């Protein structure tokens, strides 16, 4: 059984988010939670929120009725990726009446978890 969660329009560069996602891919949800809680990266917070959402989605979708912490020990993060979202374009004044473009990047985080059992998705 698989479950998916998305965090869209996260106000951080996808390059920075991918560094943290590489650390949690392949771990169980419980181990990934511990890794994210002790991470010093700012991207860890929205990723942790998305991971908790994926576990809750699995519990709700398949009506498992289990405790979420118990379920987190059984499921594995099989896919975790960050796609580029829309870029906010701003301008900053520079010398001699010119302007420089500032790009404020956003990303969409997707986490897919599975418990290893095959079944209807």
N, C-alpha and C. Protein backbone atom coordinates (compact mmCIF):
# COMPACT_ATOMS: atom_id res chain seq x y z
N UNK A 1 0.85 -1.17 0.00
CA UNK A 1 0.00 0.00 0.00
C UNK A 1 0.89 1.23 0.00
N UNK A 2 0.50 2.18 -0.82
CA UNK A 2 1.27 3.41 -0.95
C UNK A 2 0.41 4.62 -0.61
N UNK A 3 1.07 5.65 -0.13
CA UNK A 3 0.39 6.89 0.18
C UNK A 3 1.32 8.04 -0.20
N UNK A 4 0.71 9.15 -0.60
CA UNK A 4 1.46 10.29 -1.08
C UNK A 4 1.04 11.56 -0.33
N UNK A 5 1.99 12.47 -0.16
CA UNK A 5 1.68 13.79 0.39
C UNK A 5 2.49 14.83 -0.37
N UNK A 6 1.90 16.00 -0.57
CA UNK A 6 2.55 17.09 -1.28
C UNK A 6 2.58 18.33 -0.39
N UNK A 7 3.68 19.05 -0.44
CA UNK A 7 3.77 20.38 0.17
C UNK A 7 4.10 21.31 -0.98
N UNK A 8 3.16 22.17 -1.32
CA UNK A 8 3.34 23.01 -2.50
C UNK A 8 3.67 24.44 -2.10
N UNK A 9 4.40 25.11 -2.99
CA UNK A 9 4.78 26.52 -2.84
C UNK A 9 5.60 26.77 -1.56
N UNK A 10 6.51 25.87 -1.24
CA UNK A 10 7.39 26.06 -0.10
C UNK A 10 8.42 27.12 -0.48
N UNK A 11 8.57 28.15 0.34
CA UNK A 11 9.41 29.28 -0.01
C UNK A 11 10.89 28.98 0.29
N UNK A 12 11.43 28.03 -0.43
CA UNK A 12 12.85 27.71 -0.34
C UNK A 12 13.29 27.10 -1.66
N UNK A 13 14.54 27.28 -1.97
CA UNK A 13 15.08 26.77 -3.22
C UNK A 13 15.02 25.25 -3.25
N UNK A 14 14.63 24.65 -4.39
CA UNK A 14 14.57 23.20 -4.46
C UNK A 14 15.94 22.54 -4.29
N UNK A 15 17.00 23.25 -4.61
CA UNK A 15 18.35 22.69 -4.45
C UNK A 15 18.64 22.43 -2.97
N UNK A 16 18.25 23.37 -2.13
CA UNK A 16 18.50 23.23 -0.70
C UNK A 16 17.61 22.16 -0.08
N UNK A 17 16.39 22.02 -0.59
CA UNK A 17 15.46 21.03 -0.07
C UNK A 17 15.93 19.61 -0.45
N UNK A 18 16.47 19.47 -1.65
CA UNK A 18 16.91 18.15 -2.11
C UNK A 18 18.03 17.57 -1.26
N UNK A 19 18.86 18.42 -0.68
CA UNK A 19 19.94 17.96 0.19
C UNK A 19 19.35 17.21 1.39
N UNK A 20 18.30 17.74 1.97
CA UNK A 20 17.67 17.11 3.13
C UNK A 20 16.88 15.87 2.70
N UNK A 21 16.21 15.94 1.55
CA UNK A 21 15.43 14.79 1.08
C UNK A 21 16.32 13.58 0.80
N UNK A 22 17.54 13.82 0.36
CA UNK A 22 18.47 12.72 0.10
C UNK A 22 18.81 11.97 1.39
N UNK A 23 18.75 12.66 2.53
CA UNK A 23 19.06 12.01 3.80
C UNK A 23 17.95 11.09 4.29
N UNK A 24 16.69 11.36 3.93
CA UNK A 24 15.58 10.58 4.47
C UNK A 24 15.05 9.53 3.50
N UNK A 25 15.43 9.60 2.24
CA UNK A 25 14.94 8.64 1.25
C UNK A 25 15.45 7.24 1.61
N UNK A 26 14.53 6.28 1.69
CA UNK A 26 14.88 4.90 2.01
C UNK A 26 14.78 4.55 3.48
N UNK A 27 14.60 5.52 4.35
CA UNK A 27 14.46 5.26 5.78
C UNK A 27 13.01 4.94 6.13
N UNK A 28 12.81 4.34 7.28
CA UNK A 28 11.45 4.19 7.78
C UNK A 28 10.97 5.58 8.20
N UNK A 29 9.67 5.74 8.29
CA UNK A 29 9.11 7.05 8.64
C UNK A 29 9.54 7.47 10.04
N UNK A 30 9.68 6.52 10.95
CA UNK A 30 10.11 6.85 12.31
C UNK A 30 11.56 7.33 12.32
N UNK A 31 12.43 6.65 11.58
CA UNK A 31 13.84 7.06 11.50
C UNK A 31 13.97 8.40 10.78
N UNK A 32 13.17 8.61 9.75
CA UNK A 32 13.20 9.87 9.01
C UNK A 32 12.76 11.02 9.92
N UNK A 33 11.78 10.77 10.77
CA UNK A 33 11.31 11.80 11.70
C UNK A 33 12.42 12.20 12.65
N UNK A 34 13.14 11.23 13.18
CA UNK A 34 14.25 11.53 14.10
C UNK A 34 15.34 12.31 13.37
N UNK A 35 15.67 11.88 12.15
CA UNK A 35 16.69 12.57 11.36
C UNK A 35 16.30 14.02 11.09
N UNK A 36 15.04 14.25 10.75
CA UNK A 36 14.59 15.61 10.44
C UNK A 36 14.51 16.49 11.68
N UNK A 37 14.14 15.91 12.81
CA UNK A 37 14.04 16.70 14.04
C UNK A 37 15.41 17.22 14.48
N UNK A 38 16.47 16.45 14.23
CA UNK A 38 17.81 16.86 14.66
C UNK A 38 18.61 17.53 13.54
N UNK A 39 17.98 17.77 12.41
CA UNK A 39 18.66 18.43 11.31
C UNK A 39 18.70 19.94 11.54
N UNK A 40 19.81 20.56 11.17
CA UNK A 40 19.94 22.01 11.33
C UNK A 40 19.43 22.78 10.11
N UNK A 41 18.97 22.09 9.10
CA UNK A 41 18.53 22.74 7.87
C UNK A 41 17.11 23.28 8.01
N UNK A 42 16.87 24.44 7.42
CA UNK A 42 15.53 25.05 7.47
C UNK A 42 14.51 24.22 6.71
N UNK A 43 14.97 23.47 5.71
CA UNK A 43 14.06 22.66 4.89
C UNK A 43 13.49 21.48 5.66
N UNK A 44 14.08 21.14 6.79
CA UNK A 44 13.62 19.97 7.55
C UNK A 44 12.20 20.14 8.07
N UNK A 45 11.80 21.35 8.41
CA UNK A 45 10.47 21.57 8.97
C UNK A 45 9.34 21.28 7.98
N UNK A 46 9.34 21.84 6.75
CA UNK A 46 8.26 21.49 5.83
C UNK A 46 8.31 20.03 5.37
N UNK A 47 9.50 19.44 5.32
CA UNK A 47 9.61 18.02 4.95
C UNK A 47 9.01 17.15 6.04
N UNK A 48 9.27 17.48 7.30
CA UNK A 48 8.71 16.73 8.42
C UNK A 48 7.18 16.83 8.42
N UNK A 49 6.67 18.01 8.13
CA UNK A 49 5.23 18.21 8.07
C UNK A 49 4.61 17.38 6.94
N UNK A 50 5.29 17.32 5.81
CA UNK A 50 4.82 16.54 4.66
C UNK A 50 4.87 15.04 4.97
N UNK A 51 5.92 14.60 5.68
CA UNK A 51 6.04 13.19 6.05
C UNK A 51 4.92 12.77 7.00
N UNK A 52 4.63 13.61 7.99
CA UNK A 52 3.52 13.31 8.90
C UNK A 52 2.19 13.26 8.15
N UNK A 53 2.03 14.12 7.17
CA UNK A 53 0.82 14.12 6.36
C UNK A 53 0.69 12.83 5.56
N UNK A 54 1.80 12.34 5.02
CA UNK A 54 1.77 11.09 4.24
C UNK A 54 1.37 9.91 5.12
N UNK A 55 1.89 9.87 6.35
CA UNK A 55 1.53 8.78 7.27
C UNK A 55 0.05 8.88 7.64
N UNK A 56 -0.43 10.08 7.91
CA UNK A 56 -1.85 10.27 8.24
C UNK A 56 -2.73 9.93 7.04
N UNK A 57 -2.27 10.26 5.82
CA UNK A 57 -3.03 9.92 4.63
C UNK A 57 -3.16 8.41 4.47
N UNK A 58 -2.08 7.67 4.75
CA UNK A 58 -2.13 6.22 4.64
C UNK A 58 -3.11 5.64 5.66
N UNK A 59 -3.07 6.17 6.87
CA UNK A 59 -3.97 5.69 7.92
C UNK A 59 -5.42 5.96 7.55
N UNK A 60 -5.68 7.12 6.97
CA UNK A 60 -7.04 7.49 6.59
C UNK A 60 -7.51 6.74 5.34
N UNK A 61 -6.62 6.63 4.36
CA UNK A 61 -6.99 6.04 3.08
C UNK A 61 -7.34 4.56 3.19
N UNK A 62 -6.55 3.83 3.96
CA UNK A 62 -6.76 2.39 4.07
C UNK A 62 -7.48 1.99 5.35
N UNK A 63 -7.93 2.98 6.13
CA UNK A 63 -8.68 2.75 7.36
C UNK A 63 -7.99 1.72 8.24
N UNK A 64 -6.72 1.98 8.53
CA UNK A 64 -5.92 1.05 9.32
C UNK A 64 -6.28 1.10 10.80
N UNK A 65 -6.67 2.27 11.28
CA UNK A 65 -7.08 2.41 12.67
C UNK A 65 -5.94 2.25 13.65
N UNK A 66 -4.70 2.31 13.17
CA UNK A 66 -3.55 2.15 14.04
C UNK A 66 -3.13 3.50 14.60
N UNK A 67 -2.31 3.44 15.65
CA UNK A 67 -1.69 4.64 16.17
C UNK A 67 -0.67 5.12 15.13
N UNK A 68 -0.60 6.43 14.92
CA UNK A 68 0.27 6.97 13.87
C UNK A 68 1.74 6.67 14.14
N UNK A 69 2.16 6.68 15.41
CA UNK A 69 3.56 6.36 15.73
C UNK A 69 3.87 4.90 15.44
N UNK A 70 2.90 4.04 15.69
CA UNK A 70 3.07 2.61 15.40
C UNK A 70 3.19 2.38 13.90
N UNK A 71 2.34 3.06 13.15
CA UNK A 71 2.34 2.95 11.69
C UNK A 71 3.63 3.50 11.10
N UNK A 72 4.17 4.58 11.70
CA UNK A 72 5.40 5.20 11.19
C UNK A 72 6.59 4.25 11.27
N UNK A 73 6.58 3.34 12.22
CA UNK A 73 7.68 2.38 12.34
C UNK A 73 7.65 1.31 11.27
N UNK A 74 6.50 1.13 10.61
CA UNK A 74 6.34 0.07 9.63
C UNK A 74 6.52 0.55 8.19
N UNK A 75 6.28 1.81 7.93
CA UNK A 75 6.31 2.30 6.54
C UNK A 75 7.68 2.87 6.20
N UNK A 76 7.99 2.85 4.91
CA UNK A 76 9.28 3.32 4.41
C UNK A 76 9.06 4.45 3.41
N UNK A 77 9.96 5.41 3.42
CA UNK A 77 9.94 6.50 2.44
C UNK A 77 10.56 5.94 1.16
N UNK A 78 9.73 5.69 0.15
CA UNK A 78 10.26 5.10 -1.08
C UNK A 78 10.58 6.15 -2.13
N UNK A 79 9.89 7.29 -2.11
CA UNK A 79 10.17 8.38 -3.03
C UNK A 79 10.10 9.69 -2.25
N UNK A 80 11.06 10.56 -2.50
CA UNK A 80 11.05 11.89 -1.91
C UNK A 80 11.77 12.81 -2.88
N UNK A 81 11.05 13.78 -3.40
CA UNK A 81 11.67 14.68 -4.36
C UNK A 81 11.06 16.07 -4.26
N UNK A 82 11.82 17.05 -4.76
CA UNK A 82 11.38 18.44 -4.76
C UNK A 82 11.47 18.98 -6.18
N UNK A 83 10.34 19.38 -6.71
CA UNK A 83 10.28 19.99 -8.03
C UNK A 83 10.27 21.51 -7.88
N UNK A 84 10.67 22.18 -8.93
CA UNK A 84 10.72 23.63 -8.89
C UNK A 84 9.30 24.20 -9.02
N UNK A 85 9.01 25.19 -8.18
CA UNK A 85 7.74 25.88 -8.24
C UNK A 85 7.92 27.22 -8.94
N UNK A 86 6.91 28.07 -8.91
CA UNK A 86 7.04 29.38 -9.55
C UNK A 86 8.05 30.25 -8.81
N UNK A 87 8.75 31.07 -9.56
CA UNK A 87 9.76 31.97 -8.99
C UNK A 87 9.17 33.36 -8.87
N UNK A 88 9.29 33.95 -7.68
CA UNK A 88 8.85 35.32 -7.46
C UNK A 88 9.97 36.24 -7.91
N UNK A 89 9.68 37.17 -8.78
CA UNK A 89 10.70 38.05 -9.32
C UNK A 89 10.56 39.44 -8.69
N UNK A 90 11.66 39.90 -8.09
CA UNK A 90 11.70 41.21 -7.45
C UNK A 90 12.90 41.97 -8.01
N UNK A 91 12.92 43.28 -7.81
CA UNK A 91 14.02 44.10 -8.30
C UNK A 91 14.64 44.87 -7.15
N UNK A 92 15.96 45.02 -7.22
CA UNK A 92 16.71 45.73 -6.21
C UNK A 92 17.46 46.88 -6.89
N UNK A 93 17.36 48.08 -6.35
CA UNK A 93 18.07 49.20 -6.97
C UNK A 93 19.58 49.04 -6.83
N UNK A 94 20.28 49.42 -7.88
CA UNK A 94 21.75 49.35 -7.89
C UNK A 94 22.32 50.72 -8.26
N UNK A 95 23.60 50.77 -8.40
CA UNK A 95 24.29 52.03 -8.67
C UNK A 95 23.93 52.57 -10.06
N UNK A 96 24.01 53.86 -10.19
CA UNK A 96 23.83 54.56 -11.47
C UNK A 96 22.44 54.34 -12.07
N UNK A 97 21.43 54.22 -11.23
CA UNK A 97 20.06 54.13 -11.71
C UNK A 97 19.66 52.80 -12.30
N UNK A 98 20.44 51.79 -12.07
CA UNK A 98 20.11 50.47 -12.63
C UNK A 98 19.37 49.63 -11.59
N UNK A 99 18.93 48.45 -12.04
CA UNK A 99 18.24 47.53 -11.14
C UNK A 99 18.72 46.11 -11.42
N UNK A 100 18.71 45.30 -10.38
CA UNK A 100 19.10 43.90 -10.50
C UNK A 100 17.91 43.03 -10.11
N UNK A 101 17.73 41.96 -10.85
CA UNK A 101 16.62 41.05 -10.56
C UNK A 101 16.99 40.13 -9.40
N UNK A 102 16.05 39.97 -8.47
CA UNK A 102 16.19 39.01 -7.37
C UNK A 102 15.16 37.92 -7.61
N UNK A 103 15.60 36.67 -7.60
CA UNK A 103 14.70 35.54 -7.82
C UNK A 103 14.46 34.82 -6.49
N UNK A 104 13.22 34.85 -6.03
CA UNK A 104 12.85 34.16 -4.80
C UNK A 104 12.20 32.85 -5.22
N UNK A 105 12.92 31.78 -5.05
CA UNK A 105 12.50 30.49 -5.57
C UNK A 105 11.54 29.77 -4.62
N UNK A 106 10.65 28.96 -5.20
CA UNK A 106 9.75 28.10 -4.44
C UNK A 106 9.89 26.68 -4.96
N UNK A 107 9.36 25.73 -4.20
CA UNK A 107 9.43 24.34 -4.64
C UNK A 107 8.19 23.58 -4.17
N UNK A 108 7.96 22.45 -4.81
CA UNK A 108 6.89 21.54 -4.44
C UNK A 108 7.54 20.25 -3.96
N UNK A 109 7.26 19.87 -2.71
CA UNK A 109 7.84 18.66 -2.11
C UNK A 109 6.83 17.53 -2.22
N UNK A 110 7.29 16.35 -2.66
CA UNK A 110 6.43 15.17 -2.75
C UNK A 110 7.11 14.03 -1.99
N UNK A 111 6.34 13.38 -1.12
CA UNK A 111 6.84 12.22 -0.38
C UNK A 111 5.87 11.07 -0.59
N UNK A 112 6.41 9.90 -0.99
CA UNK A 112 5.62 8.68 -1.18
C UNK A 112 6.13 7.65 -0.19
N UNK A 113 5.21 7.08 0.59
CA UNK A 113 5.57 6.06 1.56
C UNK A 113 4.86 4.75 1.21
N UNK A 114 5.43 3.64 1.66
CA UNK A 114 4.84 2.33 1.41
C UNK A 114 5.15 1.42 2.59
N UNK A 115 4.23 0.49 2.84
CA UNK A 115 4.47 -0.47 3.92
C UNK A 115 4.98 -1.81 3.39
N UNK A 116 5.23 -1.90 2.10
CA UNK A 116 5.80 -3.12 1.53
C UNK A 116 4.77 -4.11 1.03
N UNK A 117 3.53 -3.98 1.50
CA UNK A 117 2.49 -4.88 1.04
C UNK A 117 1.92 -4.38 -0.26
N UNK A 118 1.67 -5.29 -1.17
CA UNK A 118 1.02 -4.91 -2.42
C UNK A 118 -0.48 -4.94 -2.22
N UNK A 119 -1.14 -3.98 -2.79
CA UNK A 119 -2.59 -3.92 -2.65
C UNK A 119 -3.14 -2.83 -3.56
N UNK A 120 -4.39 -2.55 -3.41
CA UNK A 120 -4.97 -1.49 -4.22
C UNK A 120 -4.51 -0.16 -3.70
N UNK A 121 -4.15 0.73 -4.62
CA UNK A 121 -3.67 2.06 -4.23
C UNK A 121 -4.81 3.04 -4.18
